Amino acid sequence: MQRRVERDQRAKRLNRVLVCAAAVPVMLVAAGCSSDSGSGDSTDKAAKAAASASSSPSPTVQAAAYDKLPEPCKALSKKTLKDLVPKSKSGKEGKSDDISTRAGCSWDSLDNNGVKGSQFRWLNVSMLRFESDVTRGPADKLAQEYYEKQVQEAQAAEGAKGVKSEPVAGTGDQATAVHYDLKKKEGTFKQQTIVARVENVVVTLDYNGAGLAGDKTPDEGDLLKDAKKAVKEAVEAVSTANGKGGGTADNAPSGAASESSKPSKSPSKSASEEASDESSKDASASPSKKPASKS
């Protein structure tokens, strides 16, 4: 009887052990399921956050209207060059690391009349193109800022006497003529500087003349008229180079206004990094405004 009681007690203890042992995996499984469920929620939230971030629009800026410049020494027609610098044989192209963003050409002419003196002329055309930049703004805005600075520099030219400024109609999106006298030992030079902007390109034309060795000083009105005709051709050459003009400089009607479109709407260009630097380096963008002279 006693042995039977002992067997029953041992059996009960064994059942309790087995029940406890069976309960442990159930708890672990439940814990595991709970853990997996939490991990899935975190992954879903991270995925949704990433999707939301990727769907946010990246900063954008209006693209530049013009992406190239014309050959600077061919920007003016042969007829115009003959009128402005009759004794010039060829133009001298300025140095540039990238002619698609910066270009220029200059011509000089000395008409020697012997004992009656000489007539000197100097002509220079420089062009600077801006690219849009997400940090600095659209290209046409950057070009306008540079245009305004060029006009101010012309108005503040060292040694200038009787400075006058006036708008030039029918030339790109905006243009200003600045003219003044520069007195030198060789004679009085009549300086004409016209700054024009067409879309994201700024054209600066410098033209001056002087009567040397006793020859008469050229008429300022005539020089200004010629300079206006030349800058219109240069602006049209920019538009033509980008497929938006009305013909080449050699066959376009003299003095025809640029057919470039209406001004671009701000904001400006992913400006090339160079465009970002243009405003800081713009003093060197065009040749010196001081007239050259020949003895």
Protein backbone atom coordinates (compact mmCIF):
# COMPACT_ATOMS: atom_id res chain seq x y z
CA MET A 1 0.00 0.00 0.00
CA GLN A 2 2.79 2.32 0.93
CA ARG A 3 4.64 1.58 -2.38
CA ARG A 4 1.52 2.35 -4.37
CA VAL A 5 1.22 5.75 -2.65
CA GLU A 6 4.88 6.50 -3.43
CA ARG A 7 4.38 5.56 -7.10
CA ASP A 8 1.37 7.89 -7.32
CA GLN A 9 3.35 10.75 -5.80
CA ARG A 10 6.26 10.22 -8.23
CA ALA A 11 3.82 10.16 -11.14
CA LYS A 12 2.28 13.47 -10.09
CA ARG A 13 5.71 15.10 -9.77
CA LEU A 14 6.66 13.84 -13.27
CA ASN A 15 3.45 15.26 -14.75
CA ARG A 16 4.17 18.66 -13.22
CA VAL A 17 7.68 18.67 -14.73
CA LEU A 18 6.39 17.74 -18.18
CA VAL A 19 3.71 20.41 -18.04
CA CYS A 20 6.26 23.06 -17.11
CA ALA A 21 8.65 21.90 -19.81
CA ALA A 22 5.90 22.07 -22.42
CA ALA A 23 4.96 25.59 -21.31
CA VAL A 24 8.46 27.00 -21.95
CA PRO A 25 8.46 26.61 -25.81
CA VAL A 26 4.97 28.06 -25.98
CA MET A 27 6.20 31.18 -24.18
CA LEU A 28 9.26 31.42 -26.40
CA VAL A 29 7.15 31.08 -29.55
CA ALA A 30 4.77 33.75 -28.34
CA ALA A 31 7.67 36.04 -27.51
CA GLY A 32 9.21 35.36 -30.90
CA CYS A 33 6.00 36.19 -32.73
CA SER A 34 5.67 39.39 -30.76
CA SER A 35 9.26 40.36 -31.62
CA ASP A 36 8.80 39.66 -35.36
CA SER A 37 5.66 41.74 -35.43
CA GLY A 38 7.46 44.76 -33.95
CA SER A 39 10.37 44.43 -36.40
CA GLY A 40 7.98 44.39 -39.35
CA ASP A 41 6.28 47.57 -38.17
CA SER A 42 9.64 49.35 -37.90
CA THR A 43 10.63 48.25 -41.39
CA ASP A 44 7.33 49.44 -42.83
CA LYS A 45 7.70 52.83 -41.18
CA ALA A 46 11.26 53.22 -42.46
CA ALA A 47 10.17 52.28 -45.98
CA LYS A 48 7.31 54.77 -45.90
CA ALA A 49 9.64 57.52 -44.63
CA ALA A 50 12.14 56.81 -47.41
CA ALA A 51 9.40 56.82 -50.03
CA SER A 52 8.09 60.12 -48.72
CA ALA A 53 11.56 61.67 -48.83
CA SER A 54 12.22 60.46 -52.37
CA SER A 55 8.90 61.86 -53.54
CA SER A 56 9.86 65.38 -52.37
CA PRO A 57 10.80 67.51 -55.43
CA SER A 58 14.50 68.41 -55.89
CA PRO A 59 15.38 72.12 -56.23
CA THR A 60 15.12 73.19 -59.87
CA VAL A 61 15.90 76.32 -61.87
CA GLN A 62 14.90 77.48 -65.33
CA ALA A 63 17.42 76.38 -67.95
CA ALA A 64 19.50 78.96 -69.81
CA ALA A 65 18.00 80.09 -73.12
CA TYR A 66 21.31 80.18 -75.00
CA ASP A 67 24.01 77.53 -74.76
CA LYS A 68 26.67 78.86 -77.16
CA LEU A 69 28.34 81.98 -78.49
CA PRO A 70 29.16 82.92 -82.08
CA GLU A 71 32.73 83.16 -83.35
CA PRO A 72 33.62 86.62 -82.00
CA CYS A 73 35.66 87.81 -85.00
CA LYS A 74 32.74 86.90 -87.29
CA ALA A 75 30.05 88.51 -85.17
CA LEU A 76 30.13 91.69 -87.32
CA SER A 77 29.61 91.93 -91.06
CA LYS A 78 32.45 92.86 -93.38
CA LYS A 79 30.59 96.01 -94.36
CA THR A 80 30.28 97.14 -90.75
CA LEU A 81 33.95 96.47 -90.09
CA LYS A 82 34.89 98.46 -93.19
CA ASP A 83 32.81 101.38 -91.93
CA LEU A 84 34.13 101.33 -88.36
CA VAL A 85 37.74 100.18 -88.78
CA PRO A 86 38.52 100.70 -92.49
CA LYS A 87 42.26 100.07 -92.23
CA SER A 88 42.00 96.92 -90.13
CA LYS A 89 43.12 93.77 -91.92
CA SER A 90 41.79 91.25 -89.41
CA GLY A 91 40.44 90.93 -85.90
CA LYS A 92 42.42 89.68 -82.94
CA GLU A 93 40.52 87.05 -80.96
CA GLY A 94 40.80 87.27 -77.20
CA LYS A 95 42.04 84.35 -75.13
CA SER A 96 39.40 82.19 -73.46
CA ASP A 97 39.39 78.91 -71.55
CA ASP A 98 35.90 78.18 -72.88
CA ILE A 99 34.66 80.02 -75.97
CA SER A 100 31.12 78.80 -75.31
CA THR A 101 30.95 81.05 -72.21
CA ARG A 102 33.46 83.84 -72.90
CA ALA A 103 34.63 85.26 -76.22
CA GLY A 104 35.92 88.51 -77.68
CA CYS A 105 37.60 90.11 -80.68
CA SER A 106 39.25 93.48 -81.30
CA TRP A 107 40.22 95.50 -84.36
CA ASP A 108 42.27 98.70 -84.78
CA SER A 109 42.64 101.04 -87.71
CA LEU A 110 45.10 103.86 -88.44
CA ASP A 111 44.37 105.97 -91.49
CA ASN A 112 47.59 107.90 -92.02
CA ASN A 113 47.13 111.11 -94.00
CA GLY A 114 50.74 112.21 -93.81
CA VAL A 115 51.25 115.84 -92.88
CA LYS A 116 47.47 116.20 -92.46
CA GLY A 117 47.52 113.82 -89.52
CA SER A 118 45.88 110.45 -88.93
CA GLN A 119 42.55 109.01 -87.93
CA PHE A 120 42.67 106.24 -85.35
CA ARG A 121 39.85 103.80 -84.56
CA TRP A 122 39.64 100.93 -82.08
CA LEU A 123 36.77 98.44 -81.84
CA ASN A 124 36.25 95.60 -79.38
CA VAL A 125 33.36 93.16 -78.91
CA SER A 126 33.20 90.89 -75.88
CA MET A 127 30.52 88.34 -75.00
CA LEU A 128 29.84 86.57 -71.73
CA ARG A 129 27.28 83.76 -71.37
CA PHE A 130 25.81 82.62 -68.07
CA GLU A 131 24.46 79.21 -67.02
CA SER A 132 21.60 78.68 -64.58
CA ASP A 133 22.53 77.60 -61.06
CA VAL A 134 20.25 76.21 -58.35
CA THR A 135 22.14 78.21 -55.72
CA ARG A 136 22.67 81.53 -57.50
CA GLY A 137 19.56 81.60 -59.67
CA PRO A 138 18.52 81.56 -63.34
CA ALA A 139 20.94 82.47 -66.12
CA ASP A 140 19.10 85.55 -67.37
CA LYS A 141 19.03 86.97 -63.84
CA LEU A 142 22.79 86.47 -63.48
CA ALA A 143 23.30 88.08 -66.89
CA GLN A 144 21.18 91.07 -65.91
CA GLU A 145 23.24 91.59 -62.75
CA TYR A 146 26.43 91.52 -64.79
CA TYR A 147 24.90 93.84 -67.40
CA GLU A 148 24.10 96.43 -64.74
CA LYS A 149 27.59 96.20 -63.31
CA GLN A 150 29.17 96.67 -66.76
CA VAL A 151 27.12 99.82 -67.32
CA GLN A 152 28.17 101.21 -63.94
CA GLU A 153 31.83 100.49 -64.68
CA ALA A 154 31.60 102.28 -68.02
CA GLN A 155 30.01 105.31 -66.36
CA ALA A 156 32.82 105.40 -63.79
CA ALA A 157 35.72 105.00 -66.25
CA GLU A 158 38.93 106.60 -65.03
CA GLY A 159 39.68 109.93 -66.70
CA ALA A 160 36.29 110.12 -68.43
CA LYS A 161 35.02 113.64 -69.17
CA GLY A 162 31.43 114.58 -69.96
CA VAL A 163 29.95 111.13 -69.34
CA LYS A 164 26.53 110.61 -70.90
CA SER A 165 24.26 107.55 -70.87
CA GLU A 166 21.21 106.62 -72.89
CA PRO A 167 19.11 103.52 -73.58
CA VAL A 168 19.51 101.80 -76.94
CA ALA A 169 16.22 100.63 -78.41
CA GLY A 170 15.70 97.46 -80.42
CA THR A 171 18.85 95.77 -79.19
CA GLY A 172 18.35 92.51 -77.29
CA ASP A 173 16.35 92.61 -74.07
CA GLN A 174 18.05 95.76 -72.79
CA ALA A 175 20.96 97.95 -73.86
CA THR A 176 22.66 101.12 -72.63
CA ALA A 177 25.16 103.37 -74.40
CA VAL A 178 27.76 105.27 -72.37
CA HIS A 179 29.93 107.85 -74.14
CA TYR A 180 32.57 110.32 -72.97
CA ASP A 181 35.89 111.99 -73.84
CA LEU A 182 39.34 110.82 -72.83
CA LYS A 183 42.10 113.36 -73.23
CA LYS A 184 45.56 111.93 -73.90
CA LYS A 185 48.80 113.38 -75.13
CA GLU A 186 48.07 112.00 -78.61
CA GLY A 187 44.71 113.78 -78.76
CA THR A 188 41.11 113.59 -77.57
CA PHE A 189 39.56 110.15 -77.82
CA LYS A 190 35.81 109.85 -78.23
CA GLN A 191 34.76 106.69 -76.37
CA GLN A 192 31.53 104.79 -77.01
CA THR A 193 30.67 101.80 -74.80
CA ILE A 194 27.42 99.93 -75.36
CA VAL A 195 26.36 97.12 -73.04
CA ALA A 196 23.52 94.87 -74.22
CA ARG A 197 21.84 91.78 -72.79
CA VAL A 198 20.00 89.16 -74.79
CA GLU A 199 18.60 86.38 -72.58
CA ASN A 200 21.58 84.95 -70.65
CA VAL A 201 24.32 86.62 -72.74
CA VAL A 202 25.87 90.05 -72.20
CA VAL A 203 27.55 91.80 -75.15
CA THR A 204 29.87 94.74 -74.48
CA LEU A 205 31.02 96.81 -77.44
CA ASP A 206 33.75 99.44 -77.11
CA TYR A 207 34.46 101.83 -79.96
CA ASN A 208 36.66 104.91 -79.88
CA GLY A 209 38.24 107.29 -82.33
CA ALA A 210 40.71 110.14 -82.33
CA GLY A 211 42.36 112.57 -84.73
CA LEU A 212 46.12 112.24 -84.29
CA ALA A 213 49.05 114.42 -85.33
CA GLY A 214 46.84 117.45 -85.86
CA ASP A 215 43.91 115.76 -87.62
CA LYS A 216 40.42 116.76 -86.48
CA THR A 217 38.61 114.95 -83.68
CA PRO A 218 35.90 112.61 -85.05
CA ASP A 219 32.27 113.50 -84.50
CA GLU A 220 30.84 111.83 -81.42
CA GLY A 221 27.40 111.44 -82.97
CA ASP A 222 28.81 109.57 -85.96
CA LEU A 223 30.81 107.24 -83.75
CA LEU A 224 27.80 106.51 -81.56
CA LYS A 225 25.61 105.78 -84.57
CA ASP A 226 28.19 103.30 -85.90
CA ALA A 227 28.58 101.68 -82.48
CA LYS A 228 24.82 101.16 -82.17
CA LYS A 229 24.69 99.51 -85.59
CA ALA A 230 27.58 97.21 -84.67
CA VAL A 231 26.19 96.11 -81.30
CA LYS A 232 22.85 95.21 -82.89
CA GLU A 233 24.69 92.92 -85.29
CA ALA A 234 26.65 91.35 -82.44
CA VAL A 235 23.45 90.69 -80.47
CA GLU A 236 21.79 89.18 -83.53
CA ALA A 237 24.85 86.98 -84.08
CA VAL A 238 24.33 85.54 -80.58
CA SER A 239 20.71 84.69 -81.36
CA THR A 240 21.63 83.25 -84.75
CA ALA A 241 24.32 81.02 -83.22
CA ASN A 242 21.58 79.50 -81.05
CA GLY A 243 19.10 79.08 -83.90
CA LYS A 244 16.93 82.01 -82.85
CA GLY A 245 18.15 84.85 -85.02
CA GLY A 246 17.27 86.21 -88.42
CA GLY A 247 20.44 85.45 -90.36
CA THR A 248 24.19 85.72 -90.21
CA ALA A 249 25.98 88.97 -89.58
CA ASP A 250 27.13 89.15 -93.21
CA ASN A 251 23.66 88.88 -94.74
CA ALA A 252 21.46 90.40 -92.05
CA PRO A 253 20.04 93.84 -92.80
CA SER A 254 22.33 96.48 -91.32
CA GLY A 255 20.99 97.71 -88.01
CA ALA A 256 18.27 95.08 -87.83
CA ALA A 257 17.05 94.53 -84.32
CA SER A 258 17.71 91.23 -82.65
CA GLU A 259 14.85 88.81 -83.06
CA SER A 260 15.64 87.14 -79.81
CA SER A 261 12.55 86.55 -77.85
CA LYS A 262 11.11 88.31 -74.94
CA PRO A 263 13.16 88.31 -71.78
CA SER A 264 13.31 85.01 -69.92
CA LYS A 265 11.22 84.78 -66.83
CA SER A 266 12.98 84.56 -63.53
CA PRO A 267 14.10 82.83 -61.57
CA SER A 268 17.85 82.27 -63.68
CA LYS A 269 21.09 79.53 -64.53
CA SER A 270 21.86 75.92 -63.16
CA ALA A 271 24.71 78.28 -63.60
CA SER A 272 27.78 76.46 -64.34
CA GLU A 273 30.18 76.79 -61.47
CA GLU A 274 31.87 79.18 -63.77
CA ALA A 275 28.73 81.26 -63.95
CA SER A 276 28.84 81.34 -60.19
CA ASP A 277 32.33 82.79 -60.48
CA GLU A 278 31.47 85.19 -63.30
CA SER A 279 30.22 87.93 -61.04
CA SER A 280 33.41 87.79 -58.97
CA LYS A 281 35.65 87.68 -62.06
CA ASP A 282 33.58 89.94 -64.27
CA ALA A 283 36.12 92.75 -64.18
CA SER A 284 38.25 90.62 -66.47
CA ALA A 285 35.33 89.45 -68.61
CA SER A 286 35.85 92.17 -71.22
CA PRO A 287 39.01 93.89 -72.42
CA SER A 288 40.05 97.12 -70.76
CA LYS A 289 37.91 100.10 -71.63
CA LYS A 290 40.98 102.29 -72.03
CA PRO A 291 41.44 103.06 -75.71
CA ALA A 292 44.53 101.81 -77.43
CA SER A 293 46.56 104.20 -79.49
CA LYS A 294 49.29 103.99 -82.02
CA SER A 295 52.11 106.42 -82.47
